[in-house]
N, C-alpha and C. Protein backbone atom coordinates (compact mmCIF):
# COMPACT_ATOMS: atom_id res chain seq x y z
N UNK A 1 141.52 154.08 227.39
CA UNK A 1 142.71 154.82 227.81
C UNK A 1 142.33 156.23 228.25
N UNK A 2 141.39 156.88 227.52
CA UNK A 2 140.95 158.22 227.88
C UNK A 2 140.29 158.25 229.24
N UNK A 3 139.45 157.25 229.52
CA UNK A 3 138.81 157.18 230.83
C UNK A 3 139.84 156.98 231.93
N UNK A 4 140.86 156.18 231.66
CA UNK A 4 141.90 155.94 232.65
C UNK A 4 142.67 157.22 232.95
N UNK A 5 142.95 158.01 231.91
CA UNK A 5 143.65 159.27 232.12
C UNK A 5 142.83 160.23 232.96
N UNK A 6 141.51 160.27 232.73
CA UNK A 6 140.67 161.15 233.51
C UNK A 6 140.61 160.73 234.97
N UNK A 7 140.70 159.42 235.22
CA UNK A 7 140.62 158.93 236.58
C UNK A 7 141.96 159.01 237.31
N UNK A 8 143.03 159.14 236.60
CA UNK A 8 144.36 159.14 237.21
C UNK A 8 145.11 160.42 236.80
N UNK A 9 144.94 161.50 237.57
CA UNK A 9 145.59 162.76 237.21
C UNK A 9 147.12 162.66 237.19
N UNK A 10 147.70 161.83 238.09
CA UNK A 10 149.15 161.68 238.12
C UNK A 10 149.68 161.06 236.83
N UNK A 11 148.97 160.03 236.31
CA UNK A 11 149.37 159.42 235.05
C UNK A 11 149.22 160.41 233.91
N UNK A 12 148.15 161.20 233.94
CA UNK A 12 147.94 162.20 232.90
C UNK A 12 149.06 163.24 232.90
N UNK A 13 149.44 163.69 234.10
CA UNK A 13 150.50 164.68 234.20
C UNK A 13 151.83 164.10 233.73
N UNK A 14 152.08 162.82 234.06
CA UNK A 14 153.32 162.18 233.64
C UNK A 14 153.39 162.05 232.12
N UNK A 15 152.28 161.66 231.50
CA UNK A 15 152.27 161.54 230.04
C UNK A 15 152.41 162.90 229.37
N UNK A 16 151.87 163.93 230.00
CA UNK A 16 152.04 165.26 229.44
C UNK A 16 153.50 165.71 229.50
N UNK A 17 154.20 165.31 230.54
CA UNK A 17 155.62 165.65 230.65
C UNK A 17 156.48 164.80 229.72
N UNK A 18 156.02 163.60 229.40
CA UNK A 18 156.81 162.68 228.58
C UNK A 18 156.51 162.79 227.10
N UNK A 19 155.62 163.68 226.69
CA UNK A 19 155.26 163.78 225.27
C UNK A 19 154.92 165.23 224.92
N UNK A 20 154.85 165.47 223.62
CA UNK A 20 154.49 166.79 223.12
C UNK A 20 153.69 166.60 221.84
N UNK A 21 152.69 167.46 221.64
CA UNK A 21 151.89 167.44 220.42
C UNK A 21 152.52 168.38 219.40
N UNK A 22 152.98 167.81 218.30
CA UNK A 22 153.62 168.60 217.24
C UNK A 22 153.05 168.15 215.89
N UNK A 23 152.56 169.11 215.14
CA UNK A 23 152.04 168.79 213.81
C UNK A 23 150.91 167.80 213.83
N UNK A 24 150.07 167.84 214.87
CA UNK A 24 148.93 166.95 214.95
C UNK A 24 149.25 165.53 215.37
N UNK A 25 150.43 165.30 215.93
CA UNK A 25 150.79 163.96 216.40
C UNK A 25 151.56 164.07 217.70
N UNK A 26 151.65 162.96 218.39
CA UNK A 26 152.33 162.91 219.68
C UNK A 26 153.75 162.40 219.49
N UNK A 27 154.70 163.17 220.02
CA UNK A 27 156.11 162.79 219.98
C UNK A 27 156.56 162.59 221.42
N UNK A 28 157.15 161.44 221.71
CA UNK A 28 157.59 161.14 223.07
C UNK A 28 158.91 161.84 223.37
N UNK A 29 158.97 162.45 224.56
CA UNK A 29 160.19 163.08 225.03
C UNK A 29 161.02 162.13 225.89
N UNK A 30 160.35 161.20 226.52
CA UNK A 30 161.03 160.21 227.36
C UNK A 30 161.68 159.16 226.46
N UNK A 31 163.00 159.07 226.45
CA UNK A 31 163.65 158.14 225.51
C UNK A 31 163.31 156.68 225.78
N UNK A 32 162.95 156.35 227.03
CA UNK A 32 162.67 154.96 227.37
C UNK A 32 161.31 154.50 226.83
N UNK A 33 160.49 155.43 226.34
CA UNK A 33 159.24 155.05 225.72
C UNK A 33 159.45 154.48 224.31
N UNK A 34 160.68 154.58 223.81
CA UNK A 34 161.01 154.00 222.51
C UNK A 34 161.68 152.64 222.65
N UNK A 35 161.72 152.09 223.87
CA UNK A 35 162.56 150.93 224.11
C UNK A 35 162.16 149.71 223.31
N UNK A 36 160.88 149.60 222.92
CA UNK A 36 160.46 148.45 222.12
C UNK A 36 161.12 148.44 220.74
N UNK A 37 161.64 149.56 220.33
CA UNK A 37 162.26 149.66 219.01
C UNK A 37 163.79 149.66 219.12
N UNK A 38 164.29 149.46 220.35
CA UNK A 38 165.74 149.41 220.55
C UNK A 38 166.29 148.03 220.24
N UNK A 39 167.56 148.00 219.84
CA UNK A 39 168.31 146.75 219.92
C UNK A 39 169.14 146.80 221.21
N UNK A 40 169.84 145.72 221.50
CA UNK A 40 170.57 145.63 222.77
C UNK A 40 171.66 146.69 222.87
N UNK A 41 172.34 146.99 221.77
CA UNK A 41 173.41 147.98 221.80
C UNK A 41 172.86 149.38 222.08
N UNK A 42 171.73 149.71 221.46
CA UNK A 42 171.12 151.02 221.69
C UNK A 42 170.65 151.15 223.12
N UNK A 43 170.08 150.10 223.68
CA UNK A 43 169.61 150.13 225.06
C UNK A 43 170.77 150.36 226.02
N UNK A 44 171.88 149.66 225.80
CA UNK A 44 173.06 149.83 226.65
C UNK A 44 173.65 151.23 226.47
N UNK A 45 173.69 151.72 225.24
CA UNK A 45 174.20 153.07 224.94
C UNK A 45 173.40 154.13 225.68
N UNK A 46 172.08 153.96 225.74
CA UNK A 46 171.23 154.93 226.41
C UNK A 46 171.37 154.86 227.93
N UNK A 47 171.43 153.67 228.47
CA UNK A 47 171.36 153.49 229.93
C UNK A 47 172.68 153.73 230.65
N UNK A 48 173.81 153.59 229.99
CA UNK A 48 175.09 153.70 230.67
C UNK A 48 175.71 155.08 230.43
N UNK A 49 175.92 155.86 231.52
CA UNK A 49 176.59 157.16 231.36
C UNK A 49 178.01 156.98 230.85
N UNK A 50 178.53 158.04 230.22
CA UNK A 50 179.90 158.01 229.74
C UNK A 50 180.06 157.48 228.33
N UNK A 51 178.97 157.44 227.55
CA UNK A 51 179.04 156.92 226.19
C UNK A 51 179.39 158.00 225.16
N UNK A 52 179.26 159.28 225.54
CA UNK A 52 179.57 160.37 224.62
C UNK A 52 180.89 161.01 225.00
N UNK A 53 181.53 161.66 224.01
CA UNK A 53 182.81 162.32 224.26
C UNK A 53 182.64 163.46 225.26
N UNK A 54 183.64 163.64 226.12
CA UNK A 54 183.58 164.70 227.12
C UNK A 54 183.50 166.08 226.48
N UNK A 55 184.21 166.28 225.35
CA UNK A 55 184.16 167.57 224.66
C UNK A 55 182.75 167.88 224.18
N UNK A 56 182.06 166.86 223.70
CA UNK A 56 180.69 167.05 223.21
C UNK A 56 179.76 167.46 224.36
N UNK A 57 179.95 166.87 225.53
CA UNK A 57 179.12 167.21 226.68
C UNK A 57 179.43 168.63 227.16
N UNK A 58 180.71 168.98 227.27
CA UNK A 58 181.08 170.31 227.75
C UNK A 58 180.58 171.39 226.80
N UNK A 59 180.61 171.11 225.51
CA UNK A 59 180.14 172.09 224.53
C UNK A 59 178.66 172.37 224.68
N UNK A 60 177.88 171.40 225.13
CA UNK A 60 176.43 171.55 225.22
C UNK A 60 175.93 171.86 226.64
N UNK A 61 176.85 172.12 227.56
CA UNK A 61 176.42 172.43 228.92
C UNK A 61 175.49 173.64 228.96
N UNK A 62 175.88 174.73 228.37
CA UNK A 62 175.08 175.96 228.42
C UNK A 62 173.80 175.83 227.60
N UNK A 63 173.77 174.89 226.71
CA UNK A 63 172.55 174.67 225.91
C UNK A 63 171.41 174.19 226.80
N UNK A 64 171.70 173.37 227.77
CA UNK A 64 170.65 172.83 228.64
C UNK A 64 170.71 173.39 230.06
N UNK A 65 171.85 173.95 230.46
CA UNK A 65 171.99 174.54 231.79
C UNK A 65 172.60 175.95 231.68
N UNK A 66 171.90 176.88 231.04
CA UNK A 66 172.48 178.23 230.89
C UNK A 66 172.63 178.96 232.21
N UNK A 67 171.89 178.53 233.23
CA UNK A 67 171.90 179.22 234.51
C UNK A 67 172.94 178.67 235.48
N UNK A 68 173.65 177.62 235.12
CA UNK A 68 174.54 176.93 236.05
C UNK A 68 176.00 177.26 235.74
N UNK A 69 176.75 177.61 236.82
CA UNK A 69 178.20 177.80 236.69
C UNK A 69 178.86 176.46 237.04
N UNK A 70 179.25 175.73 236.05
CA UNK A 70 179.76 174.37 236.27
C UNK A 70 181.07 174.37 237.07
N UNK A 71 181.87 175.42 236.94
CA UNK A 71 183.14 175.47 237.68
C UNK A 71 182.91 175.58 239.18
N UNK A 72 181.74 176.07 239.59
CA UNK A 72 181.46 176.23 241.02
C UNK A 72 180.80 175.00 241.63
N UNK A 73 180.49 173.99 240.83
CA UNK A 73 179.82 172.80 241.33
C UNK A 73 180.82 171.84 241.97
N UNK A 74 180.32 171.02 242.88
CA UNK A 74 181.14 169.93 243.40
C UNK A 74 181.33 168.88 242.31
N UNK A 75 182.29 168.01 242.50
CA UNK A 75 182.57 166.97 241.50
C UNK A 75 181.34 166.10 241.27
N UNK A 76 180.65 165.76 242.37
CA UNK A 76 179.47 164.90 242.24
C UNK A 76 178.35 165.59 241.47
N UNK A 77 178.06 166.86 241.81
CA UNK A 77 176.99 167.59 241.12
C UNK A 77 177.33 167.81 239.65
N UNK A 78 178.61 168.11 239.38
CA UNK A 78 179.02 168.32 237.99
C UNK A 78 178.89 167.02 237.20
N UNK A 79 179.24 165.90 237.82
CA UNK A 79 179.12 164.61 237.14
C UNK A 79 177.65 164.28 236.84
N UNK A 80 176.76 164.59 237.77
CA UNK A 80 175.33 164.33 237.56
C UNK A 80 174.78 165.21 236.45
N UNK A 81 175.13 166.49 236.46
CA UNK A 81 174.61 167.40 235.42
C UNK A 81 175.22 167.09 234.06
N UNK A 82 176.48 166.70 234.04
CA UNK A 82 177.07 166.28 232.76
C UNK A 82 176.36 165.03 232.24
N UNK A 83 176.00 164.12 233.16
CA UNK A 83 175.24 162.94 232.75
C UNK A 83 173.88 163.31 232.21
N UNK A 84 173.24 164.33 232.81
CA UNK A 84 171.94 164.79 232.32
C UNK A 84 172.07 165.41 230.92
N UNK A 85 173.16 166.17 230.71
CA UNK A 85 173.41 166.72 229.37
C UNK A 85 173.55 165.58 228.37
N UNK A 86 174.26 164.53 228.76
CA UNK A 86 174.40 163.36 227.89
C UNK A 86 173.05 162.73 227.59
N UNK A 87 172.16 162.66 228.60
CA UNK A 87 170.83 162.10 228.39
C UNK A 87 170.01 162.96 227.43
N UNK A 88 170.15 164.29 227.52
CA UNK A 88 169.47 165.17 226.58
C UNK A 88 169.92 164.89 225.15
N UNK A 89 171.23 164.81 224.96
CA UNK A 89 171.76 164.59 223.61
C UNK A 89 171.35 163.23 223.06
N UNK A 90 171.41 162.21 223.90
CA UNK A 90 170.99 160.88 223.47
C UNK A 90 169.50 160.87 223.12
N UNK A 91 168.69 161.52 223.96
CA UNK A 91 167.24 161.54 223.73
C UNK A 91 166.91 162.24 222.41
N UNK A 92 167.54 163.36 222.16
CA UNK A 92 167.30 164.08 220.91
C UNK A 92 167.73 163.25 219.71
N UNK A 93 168.83 162.54 219.87
CA UNK A 93 169.30 161.65 218.79
C UNK A 93 168.26 160.58 218.49
N UNK A 94 167.71 159.95 219.55
CA UNK A 94 166.69 158.91 219.36
C UNK A 94 165.41 159.49 218.77
N UNK A 95 165.00 160.65 219.26
CA UNK A 95 163.75 161.25 218.78
C UNK A 95 163.84 161.57 217.29
N UNK A 96 164.97 162.13 216.87
CA UNK A 96 165.11 162.44 215.44
C UNK A 96 165.25 161.17 214.60
N UNK A 97 165.79 160.11 215.19
CA UNK A 97 165.89 158.84 214.47
C UNK A 97 164.51 158.25 214.21
N UNK A 98 163.64 158.29 215.23
CA UNK A 98 162.31 157.70 215.10
C UNK A 98 161.27 158.68 214.56
N UNK A 99 161.65 159.96 214.48
CA UNK A 99 160.76 160.98 213.90
C UNK A 99 161.58 161.83 212.93
N UNK A 100 162.00 161.27 211.81
CA UNK A 100 162.95 161.97 210.92
C UNK A 100 162.36 163.17 210.19
N UNK A 101 161.03 163.32 210.18
CA UNK A 101 160.42 164.42 209.43
C UNK A 101 160.18 165.67 210.27
N UNK A 102 160.67 165.72 211.49
CA UNK A 102 160.51 166.93 212.31
C UNK A 102 161.35 168.06 211.73
N UNK A 103 160.76 169.25 211.71
CA UNK A 103 161.46 170.42 211.18
C UNK A 103 162.37 171.01 212.27
N UNK A 104 163.34 171.86 211.90
CA UNK A 104 164.19 172.50 212.91
C UNK A 104 163.38 173.29 213.95
N UNK A 105 162.31 173.95 213.50
CA UNK A 105 161.48 174.68 214.45
C UNK A 105 160.78 173.75 215.44
N UNK A 106 160.30 172.64 214.95
CA UNK A 106 159.65 171.66 215.83
C UNK A 106 160.65 171.04 216.80
N UNK A 107 161.85 170.77 216.33
CA UNK A 107 162.89 170.23 217.21
C UNK A 107 163.26 171.22 218.31
N UNK A 108 163.28 172.52 217.96
CA UNK A 108 163.58 173.54 218.96
C UNK A 108 162.48 173.61 220.01
N UNK A 109 161.22 173.53 219.57
CA UNK A 109 160.09 173.52 220.50
C UNK A 109 160.16 172.29 221.41
N UNK A 110 160.48 171.18 220.82
CA UNK A 110 160.60 169.93 221.58
C UNK A 110 161.73 170.02 222.60
N UNK A 111 162.86 170.57 222.19
CA UNK A 111 164.01 170.69 223.10
C UNK A 111 163.70 171.61 224.26
N UNK A 112 162.96 172.69 224.01
CA UNK A 112 162.61 173.62 225.09
C UNK A 112 161.72 172.95 226.12
N UNK A 113 160.77 172.14 225.67
CA UNK A 113 159.91 171.45 226.63
C UNK A 113 160.71 170.39 227.40
N UNK A 114 161.61 169.73 226.73
CA UNK A 114 162.45 168.75 227.42
C UNK A 114 163.26 169.41 228.53
N UNK A 115 163.81 170.59 228.25
CA UNK A 115 164.64 171.27 229.24
C UNK A 115 163.84 171.63 230.48
N UNK A 116 162.52 171.83 230.32
CA UNK A 116 161.67 172.20 231.45
C UNK A 116 161.18 170.97 232.20
N UNK A 117 160.75 169.94 231.47
CA UNK A 117 160.06 168.81 232.10
C UNK A 117 160.95 167.62 232.42
N UNK A 118 162.08 167.46 231.73
CA UNK A 118 162.88 166.23 231.89
C UNK A 118 164.18 166.44 232.65
N UNK A 119 164.51 167.66 232.99
CA UNK A 119 165.82 167.93 233.60
C UNK A 119 165.99 167.17 234.92
N UNK A 120 165.04 167.33 235.83
CA UNK A 120 165.14 166.67 237.13
C UNK A 120 165.07 165.14 236.98
N UNK A 121 164.21 164.68 236.07
CA UNK A 121 164.10 163.23 235.86
C UNK A 121 165.41 162.66 235.34
N UNK A 122 166.06 163.36 234.42
CA UNK A 122 167.35 162.89 233.90
C UNK A 122 168.41 162.90 235.00
N UNK A 123 168.40 163.93 235.85
CA UNK A 123 169.39 164.01 236.93
C UNK A 123 169.20 162.85 237.91
N UNK A 124 167.94 162.54 238.26
CA UNK A 124 167.69 161.40 239.16
C UNK A 124 168.14 160.09 238.53
N UNK A 125 167.86 159.93 237.24
CA UNK A 125 168.27 158.70 236.56
C UNK A 125 169.79 158.55 236.55
N UNK A 126 170.50 159.65 236.26
CA UNK A 126 171.96 159.61 236.21
C UNK A 126 172.53 159.33 237.60
N UNK A 127 171.96 159.96 238.65
CA UNK A 127 172.45 159.74 240.01
C UNK A 127 172.32 158.28 240.40
N UNK A 128 171.19 157.66 240.07
CA UNK A 128 171.00 156.23 240.39
C UNK A 128 171.97 155.36 239.58
N UNK A 129 172.16 155.70 238.32
CA UNK A 129 173.07 154.92 237.47
C UNK A 129 174.50 155.01 237.98
N UNK A 130 174.93 156.21 238.37
CA UNK A 130 176.28 156.37 238.89
C UNK A 130 176.45 155.64 240.21
N UNK A 131 175.41 155.65 241.04
CA UNK A 131 175.47 154.93 242.32
C UNK A 131 175.61 153.43 242.09
N UNK A 132 174.81 152.89 241.16
CA UNK A 132 174.91 151.47 240.86
C UNK A 132 176.29 151.12 240.30
N UNK A 133 176.81 151.97 239.44
CA UNK A 133 178.12 151.71 238.86
C UNK A 133 179.22 151.77 239.94
N UNK A 134 179.08 152.72 240.88
CA UNK A 134 180.05 152.82 241.97
C UNK A 134 180.03 151.57 242.84
N UNK A 135 178.82 151.07 243.16
CA UNK A 135 178.72 149.84 243.95
C UNK A 135 179.32 148.65 243.20
N UNK A 136 179.06 148.58 241.89
CA UNK A 136 179.60 147.47 241.10
C UNK A 136 181.13 147.54 241.05
N UNK A 137 181.68 148.75 240.93
CA UNK A 137 183.14 148.89 240.89
C UNK A 137 183.77 148.51 242.23
N UNK A 138 183.12 148.89 243.34
CA UNK A 138 183.65 148.53 244.65
C UNK A 138 183.60 147.01 244.86
N UNK A 139 182.51 146.39 244.43
CA UNK A 139 182.40 144.94 244.55
C UNK A 139 183.46 144.25 243.70
N UNK A 140 183.73 144.79 242.52
CA UNK A 140 184.75 144.21 241.65
C UNK A 140 186.15 144.36 242.26
N UNK A 141 186.39 145.52 242.90
CA UNK A 141 187.69 145.71 243.55
C UNK A 141 187.88 144.73 244.70
N UNK A 142 186.80 144.53 245.50
CA UNK A 142 186.91 143.58 246.61
C UNK A 142 187.15 142.16 246.09
N UNK A 143 186.46 141.79 245.01
CA UNK A 143 186.67 140.46 244.44
C UNK A 143 188.09 140.31 243.91
N UNK A 144 188.59 141.36 243.26
CA UNK A 144 189.96 141.31 242.73
C UNK A 144 190.97 141.21 243.86
N UNK A 145 190.73 141.94 244.97
CA UNK A 145 191.65 141.88 246.11
C UNK A 145 191.66 140.49 246.73
N UNK A 146 190.49 139.87 246.85
CA UNK A 146 190.43 138.51 247.39
C UNK A 146 191.16 137.52 246.49
N UNK A 147 190.96 137.66 245.19
CA UNK A 147 191.62 136.76 244.25
C UNK A 147 193.13 136.94 244.28
N UNK A 148 193.58 138.19 244.37
CA UNK A 148 195.02 138.45 244.43
C UNK A 148 195.62 137.90 245.72
N UNK A 149 194.92 138.08 246.85
CA UNK A 149 195.40 137.57 248.13
C UNK A 149 195.50 136.05 248.09
N UNK A 150 194.49 135.39 247.54
CA UNK A 150 194.51 133.93 247.45
C UNK A 150 195.64 133.46 246.53
N UNK A 151 195.80 134.16 245.41
CA UNK A 151 196.84 133.75 244.46
C UNK A 151 198.23 133.95 245.06
N UNK A 152 198.45 135.04 245.80
CA UNK A 152 199.76 135.28 246.42
C UNK A 152 200.07 134.23 247.47
N UNK A 153 199.06 133.84 248.26
CA UNK A 153 199.28 132.79 249.25
C UNK A 153 199.61 131.45 248.59
N UNK A 154 198.90 131.14 247.52
CA UNK A 154 199.18 129.89 246.81
C UNK A 154 200.60 129.88 246.25
N UNK A 155 201.01 131.01 245.67
CA UNK A 155 202.36 131.09 245.12
C UNK A 155 203.41 130.99 246.23
N UNK A 156 203.12 131.62 247.38
CA UNK A 156 204.06 131.58 248.50
C UNK A 156 204.20 130.17 249.06
N UNK A 157 203.06 129.48 249.19
CA UNK A 157 203.09 128.11 249.72
C UNK A 157 203.74 127.15 248.74
N UNK A 158 203.63 127.42 247.45
CA UNK A 158 204.20 126.53 246.44
C UNK A 158 205.70 126.75 246.24
N UNK A 159 206.23 127.83 246.81
CA UNK A 159 207.65 128.12 246.64
C UNK A 159 208.50 127.09 247.40
N UNK A 160 209.55 126.51 246.78
CA UNK A 160 210.39 125.51 247.46
C UNK A 160 211.04 126.03 248.74
N UNK A 161 211.46 127.28 248.74
CA UNK A 161 212.08 127.87 249.94
C UNK A 161 211.08 127.90 251.08
N UNK A 162 209.82 128.26 250.74
CA UNK A 162 208.77 128.30 251.77
C UNK A 162 208.53 126.91 252.33
N UNK A 163 208.50 125.92 251.47
CA UNK A 163 208.27 124.55 251.94
C UNK A 163 209.37 124.10 252.89
N UNK A 164 210.63 124.40 252.56
CA UNK A 164 211.73 124.01 253.44
C UNK A 164 211.62 124.71 254.80
N UNK A 165 211.17 125.96 254.79
CA UNK A 165 211.05 126.70 256.04
C UNK A 165 209.87 126.20 256.87
N UNK A 166 208.81 125.78 256.19
CA UNK A 166 207.61 125.35 256.90
C UNK A 166 207.74 123.94 257.46
N UNK A 167 208.62 123.11 256.88
CA UNK A 167 208.72 121.71 257.32
C UNK A 167 209.15 121.59 258.78
N UNK A 168 210.25 122.20 259.22
CA UNK A 168 210.60 122.11 260.66
C UNK A 168 209.58 122.82 261.55
N UNK A 169 209.01 123.91 261.05
CA UNK A 169 208.01 124.62 261.83
C UNK A 169 206.78 123.76 262.05
N UNK A 170 206.36 123.04 261.00
CA UNK A 170 205.21 122.15 261.13
C UNK A 170 205.50 121.03 262.12
N UNK A 171 206.74 120.48 262.06
CA UNK A 171 207.12 119.42 263.01
C UNK A 171 207.11 119.94 264.43
N UNK A 172 207.61 121.16 264.64
CA UNK A 172 207.63 121.76 265.97
C UNK A 172 206.22 121.96 266.49
N UNK A 173 205.32 122.45 265.64
CA UNK A 173 203.93 122.65 266.05
C UNK A 173 203.28 121.32 266.42
N UNK A 174 203.57 120.25 265.63
CA UNK A 174 203.00 118.93 265.90
C UNK A 174 203.50 118.39 267.24
N UNK A 175 204.82 118.55 267.51
CA UNK A 175 205.39 118.06 268.77
C UNK A 175 204.80 118.83 269.94
N UNK A 176 204.65 120.14 269.79
CA UNK A 176 204.09 120.95 270.86
C UNK A 176 202.64 120.56 271.12
N UNK A 177 201.89 120.31 270.06
CA UNK A 177 200.49 119.90 270.23
C UNK A 177 200.41 118.55 270.92
N UNK A 178 201.28 117.61 270.53
CA UNK A 178 201.29 116.28 271.16
C UNK A 178 201.67 116.38 272.64
N UNK A 179 202.70 117.18 272.95
CA UNK A 179 203.11 117.35 274.33
C UNK A 179 202.01 117.97 275.17
N UNK A 180 201.32 118.94 274.62
CA UNK A 180 200.22 119.54 275.35
C UNK A 180 199.11 118.55 275.62
N UNK A 181 198.86 117.71 274.62
CA UNK A 181 197.80 116.71 274.82
C UNK A 181 198.18 115.70 275.90
N UNK A 182 199.48 115.25 275.92
CA UNK A 182 199.94 114.29 276.93
C UNK A 182 199.86 114.89 278.32
N UNK A 183 200.34 116.12 278.47
CA UNK A 183 200.30 116.77 279.79
C UNK A 183 198.87 116.97 280.25
N UNK A 184 198.02 117.33 279.35
CA UNK A 184 196.62 117.51 279.71
C UNK A 184 195.97 116.21 280.13
N UNK A 185 196.32 115.11 279.49
CA UNK A 185 195.76 113.80 279.84
C UNK A 185 196.21 113.38 281.22
N UNK A 186 197.51 113.59 281.53
CA UNK A 186 198.01 113.22 282.85
C UNK A 186 197.34 114.01 283.95
N UNK A 187 197.14 115.31 283.73
CA UNK A 187 196.48 116.14 284.74
C UNK A 187 195.05 115.70 284.96
N UNK A 188 194.38 115.33 283.87
CA UNK A 188 193.01 114.85 283.98
C UNK A 188 192.94 113.55 284.80
N UNK A 189 193.91 112.64 284.58
CA UNK A 189 193.93 111.37 285.31
C UNK A 189 194.18 111.62 286.80
N UNK A 190 195.03 112.56 287.16
CA UNK A 190 195.29 112.86 288.57
C UNK A 190 194.02 113.33 289.28
N UNK A 191 193.20 114.11 288.55
CA UNK A 191 191.99 114.64 289.17
C UNK A 191 190.94 113.55 289.35
N UNK A 192 190.93 112.57 288.49
CA UNK A 192 189.91 111.51 288.57
C UNK A 192 190.29 110.45 289.59
N UNK A 193 191.56 109.99 289.61
CA UNK A 193 192.02 108.92 290.49
C UNK A 193 192.49 109.51 291.81
N UNK A 194 191.55 109.95 292.64
CA UNK A 194 191.89 110.51 293.94
C UNK A 194 192.21 109.40 294.92
N UNK A 195 193.12 109.58 295.88
CA UNK A 195 193.41 108.55 296.90
C UNK A 195 192.20 108.37 297.80
N UNK A 196 191.99 107.13 298.29
CA UNK A 196 190.82 106.89 299.15
C UNK A 196 190.91 107.68 300.44
N UNK A 197 189.79 108.13 300.95
CA UNK A 197 189.77 108.93 302.17
C UNK A 197 189.90 108.06 303.41
N UNK A 198 190.08 108.64 304.62
CA UNK A 198 190.17 107.93 305.90
C UNK A 198 188.81 107.42 306.26
N UNK A 199 188.65 106.06 306.44
CA UNK A 199 187.33 105.52 306.75
C UNK A 199 186.73 106.11 308.00
N UNK A 200 187.60 106.46 309.00
CA UNK A 200 187.07 107.01 310.24
C UNK A 200 186.36 108.34 310.01
N UNK A 201 186.85 109.05 308.99
CA UNK A 201 186.23 110.35 308.73
C UNK A 201 184.83 110.18 308.19
N UNK A 202 184.49 108.97 307.67
CA UNK A 202 183.16 108.75 307.12
C UNK A 202 182.17 108.30 308.18
N UNK A 203 182.68 107.94 309.45
CA UNK A 203 181.78 107.49 310.50
C UNK A 203 180.98 108.65 311.06
N UNK A 204 179.65 108.52 311.11
CA UNK A 204 178.83 109.67 311.56
C UNK A 204 179.15 109.98 313.03
N UNK A 205 179.01 111.19 313.37
CA UNK A 205 179.31 111.63 314.73
C UNK A 205 178.35 111.05 315.73
N UNK A 206 178.85 110.82 316.96
CA UNK A 206 178.08 110.23 318.03
C UNK A 206 177.39 111.32 318.82
């Protein structure tokens, strides 16, 4: 592993951003590096934005974004940064769960490094998650609209009043189609059965 790190500077830099040395041991800052120890509920809780109370996120905005005026942000940017705040809180919760002997001073050191190295990564993760959720919601709305349209048509066709109204209309359409077919057949026969021409006209010129 050491030789691989020396040969791959990008991997080394990524691991340095995803971990911190505290008290002679390595503590992971990237919450997804703990995934082997997750159950399904914890994995879903971590991956899906909107799992924490809005008041809890707003209270911790300045803790991770002291330089940002949230009131001046667009709705999309504010949603992404609020999601990043949520990721910070979830990550710290997981880290303390899997490293319960960390002291308050060590947790503060860990949090400061997270704020420097993981902020952009959390924002990118939240932006992708929100985009996927938006696409899924739009697909669900389209499916619901199709189902509602189909159900309304079925109910309309099954209504007795509709059936009574459609019966003469269907007969009229059938008669019109039959009449069109008959007229078309007669016209076709006229074009095929041409009267014989004048035999003299077929005699070659002298």
